[in-house]
C-alpha atoms as a PDB file:
ATOM      1  CA  MET A   1      41.329   5.132  44.859  1.00  0.00           C
ATOM      2  CA  ASN A   2      38.032   7.171  44.973  1.00  0.00           C
ATOM      3  CA  PRO A   3      35.518   5.845  42.957  1.00  0.00           C
ATOM      4  CA  LEU A   4      35.795   8.793  40.533  1.00  0.00           C
ATOM      5  CA  GLY A   5      39.325   7.930  39.843  1.00  0.00           C
ATOM      6  CA  ARG A   6      38.197   4.132  39.650  1.00  0.00           C
ATOM      7  CA  GLU A   7      35.705   5.023  37.309  1.00  0.00           C
ATOM      8  CA  LYS A   8      37.807   7.105  34.970  1.00  0.00           C
ATOM      9  CA  MET A   9      40.321   4.354  34.743  1.00  0.00           C
ATOM     10  CA  GLU A  10      38.006   1.602  34.208  1.00  0.00           C
ATOM     11  CA  ARG A  11      36.756   3.831  31.057  1.00  0.00           C
ATOM     12  CA  LYS A  12      40.219   4.163  29.983  1.00  0.00           C
ATOM     13  CA  LEU A  13      40.530   0.622  29.791  1.00  0.00           C
ATOM     14  CA  LYS A  14      37.555  -0.226  27.925  1.00  0.00           C
ATOM     15  CA  LEU A  15      38.787   2.215  25.393  1.00  0.00           C
ATOM     16  CA  MET A  16      42.003   0.534  24.899  1.00  0.00           C
ATOM     17  CA  PHE A  17      40.719  -2.873  24.903  1.00  0.00           C
ATOM     18  CA  LEU A  18      38.192  -1.557  22.309  1.00  0.00           C
ATOM     19  CA  ILE A  19      40.872  -0.013  20.130  1.00  0.00           C
ATOM     20  CA  LEU A  20      42.965  -3.406  20.547  1.00  0.00           C
ATOM     21  CA  ALA A  21      40.012  -5.311  19.250  1.00  0.00           C
ATOM     22  CA  CYS A  22      39.504  -3.274  16.411  1.00  0.00           C
ATOM     23  CA  THR A  23      43.073  -3.459  15.229  1.00  0.00           C
ATOM     24  CA  LEU A  24      43.230  -6.890  15.673  1.00  0.00           C
ATOM     25  CA  MET A  25      40.149  -7.410  13.668  1.00  0.00           C
ATOM     26  CA  PHE A  26      41.578  -5.051  11.027  1.00  0.00           C
ATOM     27  CA  VAL A  27      44.989  -7.074  10.682  1.00  0.00           C
ATOM     28  CA  ALA A  28      42.939 -10.284  10.870  1.00  0.00           C
ATOM     29  CA  ILE A  29      40.855  -8.958   7.655  1.00  0.00           C
ATOM     30  CA  GLU A  30      43.992  -7.999   5.824  1.00  0.00           C
ATOM     31  CA  ALA A  31      45.540 -11.182   6.638  1.00  0.00           C
ATOM     32  CA  THR A  32      42.459 -13.190   5.062  1.00  0.00           C
ATOM     33  CA  GLN A  33      42.781 -10.956   2.141  1.00  0.00           C
ATOM     34  CA  ALA A  34      46.005 -11.302   1.469  1.00  0.00           C
ATOM     35  CA  ASP A  35      46.032 -15.054   1.605  1.00  0.00           C
ATOM     36  CA  SER A  36      42.660 -15.756  -0.529  1.00  0.00           C
ATOM     37  CA  GLY A  37      43.274 -16.931  -3.736  1.00  0.00           C
ATOM     38  CA  VAL A  38      41.334 -16.532  -7.216  1.00  0.00           C
ATOM     39  CA  ILE A  39      40.845 -19.085  -9.901  1.00  0.00           C
ATOM     40  CA  ALA A  40      39.732 -17.196 -13.207  1.00  0.00           C
ATOM     41  CA  ILE A  41      39.054 -17.955 -16.999  1.00  0.00           C
ATOM     42  CA  GLU A  42      40.902 -15.276 -18.724  1.00  0.00           C
ATOM     43  CA  PRO A  43      40.091 -13.525 -20.847  1.00  0.00           C
ATOM     44  CA  ALA A  44      37.092 -12.774 -18.976  1.00  0.00           C
ATOM     45  CA  GLU A  45      34.817 -11.582 -22.254  1.00  0.00           C
ATOM     46  CA  ILE A  46      35.059 -13.571 -25.575  1.00  0.00           C
ATOM     47  CA  LYS A  47      33.179 -11.866 -28.724  1.00  0.00           C
ATOM     48  CA  ASP A  48      32.619 -11.764 -32.391  1.00  0.00           C
ATOM     49  CA  ILE A  49      33.963 -15.192 -33.252  1.00  0.00           C
ATOM     50  CA  SER A  50      31.427 -16.585 -36.062  1.00  0.00           C
ATOM     51  CA  PRO A  51      29.736 -20.349 -36.016  1.00  0.00           C
ATOM     52  CA  GLY A  52      32.386 -22.440 -37.110  1.00  0.00           C
ATOM     53  CA  GLY A  53      35.391 -20.507 -35.261  1.00  0.00           C
ATOM     54  CA  THR A  54      37.381 -21.463 -32.276  1.00  0.00           C
ATOM     55  CA  PHE A  55      39.047 -20.142 -29.002  1.00  0.00           C
ATOM     56  CA  THR A  56      40.991 -20.901 -25.908  1.00  0.00           C
ATOM     57  CA  VAL A  57      40.683 -19.812 -22.746  1.00  0.00           C
ATOM     58  CA  ASN A  58      42.870 -19.972 -19.600  1.00  0.00           C
ATOM     59  CA  VAL A  59      42.021 -21.390 -16.439  1.00  0.00           C
ATOM     60  CA  THR A  60      44.503 -19.725 -13.839  1.00  0.00           C
ATOM     61  CA  VAL A  61      44.917 -19.704  -9.939  1.00  0.00           C
ATOM     62  CA  ALA A  62      46.640 -16.665  -8.088  1.00  0.00           C
ATOM     63  CA  GLY A  63      47.553 -15.950  -4.426  1.00  0.00           C
ATOM     64  CA  VAL A  64      47.871 -19.614  -3.224  1.00  0.00           C
ATOM     65  CA  SER A  65      50.006 -21.764  -0.989  1.00  0.00           C
ATOM     66  CA  GLU A  66      50.900 -25.178  -0.682  1.00  0.00           C
ATOM     67  CA  VAL A  67      48.273 -26.514  -3.389  1.00  0.00           C
ATOM     68  CA  TYR A  68      48.265 -30.368  -4.087  1.00  0.00           C
ATOM     69  CA  GLY A  69      45.489 -30.770  -6.147  1.00  0.00           C
ATOM     70  CA  TRP A  70      42.641 -28.841  -7.782  1.00  0.00           C
ATOM     71  CA  GLN A  71      39.168 -29.465  -9.539  1.00  0.00           C
ATOM     72  CA  VAL A  72      36.799 -27.459 -11.865  1.00  0.00           C
ATOM     73  CA  ASN A  73      33.670 -27.462 -13.049  1.00  0.00           C
ATOM     74  CA  ILE A  74      32.929 -24.966 -16.228  1.00  0.00           C
ATOM     75  CA  THR A  75      29.466 -25.047 -17.312  1.00  0.00           C
ATOM     76  CA  PHE A  76      28.608 -23.275 -20.772  1.00  0.00           C
ATOM     77  CA  ASN A  77      25.520 -22.649 -23.187  1.00  0.00           C
ATOM     78  CA  PRO A  78      25.686 -26.561 -25.110  1.00  0.00           C
ATOM     79  CA  GLN A  79      23.473 -24.579 -28.110  1.00  0.00           C
ATOM     80  CA  ILE A  80      26.404 -22.299 -28.494  1.00  0.00           C
ATOM     81  CA  LEU A  81      29.486 -23.935 -27.628  1.00  0.00           C
ATOM     82  CA  ASN A  82      31.314 -27.016 -27.579  1.00  0.00           C
ATOM     83  CA  VAL A  83      34.572 -28.152 -25.962  1.00  0.00           C
ATOM     84  CA  GLU A  84      37.176 -29.163 -28.394  1.00  0.00           C
ATOM     85  CA  ASN A  85      40.275 -29.772 -26.416  1.00  0.00           C
ATOM     86  CA  VAL A  86      41.593 -29.314 -23.002  1.00  0.00           C
ATOM     87  CA  THR A  87      45.416 -29.420 -22.020  1.00  0.00           C
ATOM     88  CA  GLU A  88      46.833 -29.087 -18.167  1.00  0.00           C
ATOM     89  CA  GLY A  89      48.807 -26.068 -17.567  1.00  0.00           C
ATOM     90  CA  SER A  90      52.014 -25.678 -15.595  1.00  0.00           C
ATOM     91  CA  PHE A  91      50.902 -24.389 -12.052  1.00  0.00           C
ATOM     92  CA  LEU A  92      51.241 -27.911 -10.328  1.00  0.00           C
ATOM     93  CA  LYS A  93      53.732 -29.864 -13.063  1.00  0.00           C
ATOM     94  CA  GLN A  94      56.813 -27.043 -12.133  1.00  0.00           C
ATOM     95  CA  SER A  95      56.652 -28.838  -8.579  1.00  0.00           C
ATOM     96  CA  ASN A  96      56.447 -32.715  -9.490  1.00  0.00           C
ATOM     97  CA  LYS A  97      54.850 -34.822 -11.904  1.00  0.00           C
ATOM     98  CA  THR A  98      51.087 -35.002 -11.857  1.00  0.00           C
ATOM     99  CA  VAL A  99      47.967 -37.222 -12.826  1.00  0.00           C
ATOM    100  CA  PHE A 100      45.486 -35.332 -14.816  1.00  0.00           C
ATOM    101  CA  MET A 101      41.706 -36.000 -15.666  1.00  0.00           C
ATOM    102  CA  LYS A 102      39.339 -34.603 -17.785  1.00  0.00           C
ATOM    103  CA  THR A 103      35.949 -35.069 -18.716  1.00  0.00           C
ATOM    104  CA  ILE A 104      33.726 -33.468 -21.443  1.00  0.00           C
ATOM    105  CA  HIS A 105      30.018 -33.249 -21.441  1.00  0.00           C
ATOM    106  CA  ASN A 106      29.071 -31.386 -24.677  1.00  0.00           C
ATOM    107  CA  THR A 107      25.490 -32.507 -24.655  1.00  0.00           C
ATOM    108  CA  ASP A 108      24.785 -31.355 -21.021  1.00  0.00           C
ATOM    109  CA  GLY A 109      27.396 -28.463 -21.287  1.00  0.00           C
ATOM    110  CA  TYR A 110      29.749 -28.512 -18.676  1.00  0.00           C
ATOM    111  CA  VAL A 111      33.532 -30.075 -18.252  1.00  0.00           C
ATOM    112  CA  GLN A 112      35.064 -31.225 -15.555  1.00  0.00           C
ATOM    113  CA  LEU A 113      39.293 -31.132 -14.797  1.00  0.00           C
ATOM    114  CA  ALA A 114      41.141 -32.321 -12.134  1.00  0.00           C
ATOM    115  CA  SER A 115      44.986 -32.590 -11.348  1.00  0.00           C
ATOM    116  CA  THR A 116      46.863 -34.016  -8.419  1.00  0.00           C
ATOM    117  CA  PHE A 117      50.418 -34.886  -7.929  1.00  0.00           C
ATOM    118  CA  TYR A 118      51.850 -38.423  -8.019  1.00  0.00           C
ATOM    119  CA  PRO A 119      54.215 -39.556  -6.321  1.00  0.00           C
ATOM    120  CA  VAL A 120      53.263 -36.618  -3.182  1.00  0.00           C
ATOM    121  CA  PRO A 121      56.038 -34.024  -2.945  1.00  0.00           C
ATOM    122  CA  GLU A 122      57.122 -32.792   0.356  1.00  0.00           C
ATOM    123  CA  HIS A 123      55.910 -29.254  -0.475  1.00  0.00           C
ATOM    124  CA  GLY A 124      53.008 -28.100  -2.734  1.00  0.00           C
ATOM    125  CA  ALA A 125      52.596 -25.512  -5.360  1.00  0.00           C
ATOM    126  CA  SER A 126      52.327 -21.941  -4.341  1.00  0.00           C
ATOM    127  CA  GLY A 127      51.899 -18.084  -5.937  1.00  0.00           C
ATOM    128  CA  SER A 128      50.232 -18.272  -9.441  1.00  0.00           C
ATOM    129  CA  GLY A 129      49.939 -20.024 -12.371  1.00  0.00           C
ATOM    130  CA  LEU A 130      48.103 -21.674 -15.430  1.00  0.00           C
ATOM    131  CA  LEU A 131      45.705 -24.670 -14.432  1.00  0.00           C
ATOM    132  CA  ALA A 132      44.474 -25.782 -17.622  1.00  0.00           C
ATOM    133  CA  GLN A 133      43.475 -24.571 -21.157  1.00  0.00           C
ATOM    134  CA  VAL A 134      40.106 -25.348 -22.903  1.00  0.00           C
ATOM    135  CA  THR A 135      39.295 -25.003 -26.581  1.00  0.00           C
ATOM    136  CA  PHE A 136      35.973 -24.015 -27.373  1.00  0.00           C
ATOM    137  CA  THR A 137      34.109 -24.504 -31.157  1.00  0.00           C
ATOM    138  CA  VAL A 138      31.623 -21.791 -31.782  1.00  0.00           C
ATOM    139  CA  LYS A 139      28.232 -23.841 -32.803  1.00  0.00           C
ATOM    140  CA  GLY A 140      25.982 -20.954 -33.201  1.00  0.00           C
ATOM    141  CA  SER A 141      25.075 -17.398 -32.763  1.00  0.00           C
ATOM    142  CA  GLY A 142      24.382 -15.921 -29.176  1.00  0.00           C
ATOM    143  CA  SER A 143      25.689 -15.907 -26.131  1.00  0.00           C
ATOM    144  CA  SER A 144      27.067 -18.224 -23.245  1.00  0.00           C
ATOM    145  CA  SER A 145      28.822 -17.814 -19.755  1.00  0.00           C
ATOM    146  CA  LEU A 146      31.603 -19.890 -18.842  1.00  0.00           C
ATOM    147  CA  HIS A 147      31.048 -20.200 -14.912  1.00  0.00           C
ATOM    148  CA  PHE A 148      32.408 -22.132 -12.047  1.00  0.00           C
ATOM    149  CA  GLU A 149      30.376 -24.706 -10.520  1.00  0.00           C
ATOM    150  CA  GLU A 150      30.841 -23.903  -6.616  1.00  0.00           C
ATOM    151  CA  ILE A 151      30.067 -27.411  -5.584  1.00  0.00           C
ATOM    152  CA  GLY A 152      32.711 -29.038  -8.318  1.00  0.00           C
ATOM    153  CA  THR A 153      35.685 -25.994  -7.887  1.00  0.00           C
ATOM    154  CA  LYS A 154      38.163 -27.148  -5.113  1.00  0.00           C
ATOM    155  CA  LEU A 155      41.634 -26.597  -4.160  1.00  0.00           C
ATOM    156  CA  ARG A 156      43.392 -29.146  -1.717  1.00  0.00           C
ATOM    157  CA  THR A 157      46.520 -28.910   0.361  1.00  0.00           C
ATOM    158  CA  VAL A 158      47.974 -31.829   2.780  1.00  0.00           C
ATOM    159  CA  ILE A 159      48.487 -31.346   6.444  1.00  0.00           C
ATOM    160  CA  ASP A 160      50.381 -34.665   7.282  1.00  0.00           C
ATOM    161  CA  THR A 161      50.971 -37.731   5.228  1.00  0.00           C
ATOM    162  CA  ASP A 162      47.605 -39.153   5.916  1.00  0.00           C
ATOM    163  CA  THR A 163      45.088 -36.372   5.434  1.00  0.00           C
ATOM    164  CA  VAL A 164      43.918 -34.026   2.595  1.00  0.00           C
ATOM    165  CA  VAL A 165      41.913 -31.009   3.196  1.00  0.00           C
ATOM    166  CA  ASN A 166      40.120 -28.734   1.067  1.00  0.00           C
ATOM    167  CA  ILE A 167      41.351 -24.784   0.756  1.00  0.00           C
ATOM    168  CA  THR A 168      38.424 -22.672   1.376  1.00  0.00           C
ATOM    169  CA  ASP A 169      40.075 -19.309   1.182  1.00  0.00           C
ATOM    170  CA  PHE A 170      39.178 -18.647  -2.464  1.00  0.00           C
ATOM    171  CA  SER A 171      37.094 -16.697  -4.958  1.00  0.00           C
ATOM    172  CA  THR A 172      36.338 -17.656  -8.749  1.00  0.00           C
ATOM    173  CA  THR A 173      35.706 -15.237 -11.530  1.00  0.00           C
ATOM    174  CA  ASP A 174      33.733 -16.300 -14.658  1.00  0.00           C
ATOM    175  CA  ALA A 175      33.790 -15.279 -18.343  1.00  0.00           C
ATOM    176  CA  SER A 176      31.353 -14.997 -21.254  1.00  0.00           C
ATOM    177  CA  PHE A 177      31.139 -15.476 -24.658  1.00  0.00           C
ATOM    178  CA  ARG A 178      29.008 -13.553 -27.049  1.00  0.00           C
ATOM    179  CA  ASN A 179      28.689 -13.108 -30.830  1.00  0.00           C
ATOM    180  CA  ALA A 180      26.069 -11.071 -33.017  1.00  0.00           C
ATOM    181  CA  ALA A 181      22.719 -12.978 -32.508  1.00  0.00           C
ATOM    182  CA  GLY A 182      21.724 -11.099 -35.589  1.00  0.00           C
ATOM    183  CA  SER A 183      24.501 -12.049 -37.822  1.00  0.00           C
ATOM    184  CA  LEU A 184      22.877 -14.341 -39.990  1.00  0.00           C
ATOM    185  CA  LEU A 185      20.209 -11.672 -40.823  1.00  0.00           C
ATOM    186  CA  LEU A 186      20.285  -8.214 -42.900  1.00  0.00           C
ATOM    187  CA  GLY A 187      23.831  -9.263 -44.679  1.00  0.00           C
ATOM    188  CA  GLY A 188      25.677  -9.775 -41.329  1.00  0.00           C
ATOM    189  CA  ILE A 189      24.639  -6.778 -39.166  1.00  0.00           C
ATOM    190  CA  PRO A 190      24.639  -6.999 -35.554  1.00  0.00           C
ATOM    191  CA  LEU A 191      21.135  -7.099 -33.915  1.00  0.00           C
ATOM    192  CA  GLU A 192      22.410  -4.220 -31.715  1.00  0.00           C
ATOM    193  CA  TYR A 193      22.552  -2.116 -34.452  1.00  0.00           C
ATOM    194  CA  ILE A 194      19.716  -3.011 -35.946  1.00  0.00           C
ATOM    195  CA  ALA A 195      17.778  -2.499 -32.521  1.00  0.00           C
ATOM    196  CA  GLY A 196      19.387   0.956 -32.489  1.00  0.00           C
ATOM    197  CA  ALA A 197      18.202   1.838 -36.119  1.00  0.00           C
ATOM    198  CA  VAL A 198      14.930   0.660 -35.409  1.00  0.00           C
ATOM    199  CA  VAL A 199      14.387   3.240 -32.457  1.00  0.00           C
ATOM    200  CA  VAL A 200      15.856   6.098 -34.464  1.00  0.00           C
ATOM    201  CA  VAL A 201      13.462   5.452 -37.716  1.00  0.00           C
ATOM    202  CA  VAL A 202      10.256   4.923 -34.955  1.00  0.00           C
ATOM    203  CA  ILE A 203      11.329   8.363 -33.132  1.00  0.00           C
ATOM    204  CA  GLY A 204      12.062  10.334 -36.551  1.00  0.00           C
ATOM    205  CA  GLY A 205       8.335   8.758 -37.785  1.00  0.00           C
ATOM    206  CA  PHE A 206       6.738  10.232 -35.012  1.00  0.00           C
ATOM    207  CA  SER A 207       8.405  13.602 -35.247  1.00  0.00           C
ATOM    208  CA  VAL A 208       7.137  13.919 -38.754  1.00  0.00           C
ATOM    209  CA  PHE A 209       3.485  12.652 -37.889  1.00  0.00           C
ATOM    210  CA  LEU A 210       3.282  15.596 -35.485  1.00  0.00           C
ATOM    211  CA  LEU A 211       4.945  17.884 -37.920  1.00  0.00           C
ATOM    212  CA  ARG A 212       2.266  17.106 -40.337  1.00  0.00           C
ATOM    213  CA  ARG A 213      -0.545  17.763 -37.629  1.00  0.00           C
ATOM    214  CA  ARG A 214       0.719  20.728 -36.501  1.00  0.00           C
ATOM    215  CA  LYS A 215       0.854  21.998 -40.471  1.00  0.00           C
ATOM    216  CA  LYS A 216      -2.712  21.074 -40.985  1.00  0.00           C
ATOM    217  CA  GLY A 217      -3.853  22.766 -37.820  1.00  0.00           C
ATOM    218  CA  LEU A 218      -4.579  19.934 -35.979  1.00  0.00           C
ATOM    219  CA  ILE A 219      -2.176  20.752 -33.069  1.00  0.00           C
ATOM    220  CA  ARG A 220      -2.014  24.665 -31.710  1.00  0.00           C
END
């Protein structure tokens, strides 16, 4: 083969390898996304619950395989919320008996939950389901995030009878709570409404001021 033909052949081979590499990378990315799980707090937004009221959120998991245990650490604003009660969901229990553990720290504003199989079954839990339900009591007016601490949120699987490993291919979705920070002021009118009214009054007052100055001939 002459040098020109060899050069053309090398270019074609390089192009084929490049296309193959890109295709394999695309497939790998798609597979990773398809297999990645999500731990979430639902609903994602809770609002307009007055002090003294309660609400319950679901801690859910979706898109996971062979889970043998889980742990979550959820933080909140202890000036606004307190954890009233926690119950385990059915995600692991649908496969086998579990040991459920909970630690509530209302003073510091976090709750730690964990569950694992006992005894250990042949296969873990897969798919989607409910990990736990957390009931909060509203202490005051304001807002609070319901946030998964990364260091304390884990999924675990078993690769043999003696080895337990963390599942790393998952993400978390937080939630938030808010009620009217101004609900105790001006007859229960929400603070955002009050702020809007103030802006309207200020703009209106400034317009009247300019109009009066024009009438007096101070502004031409």
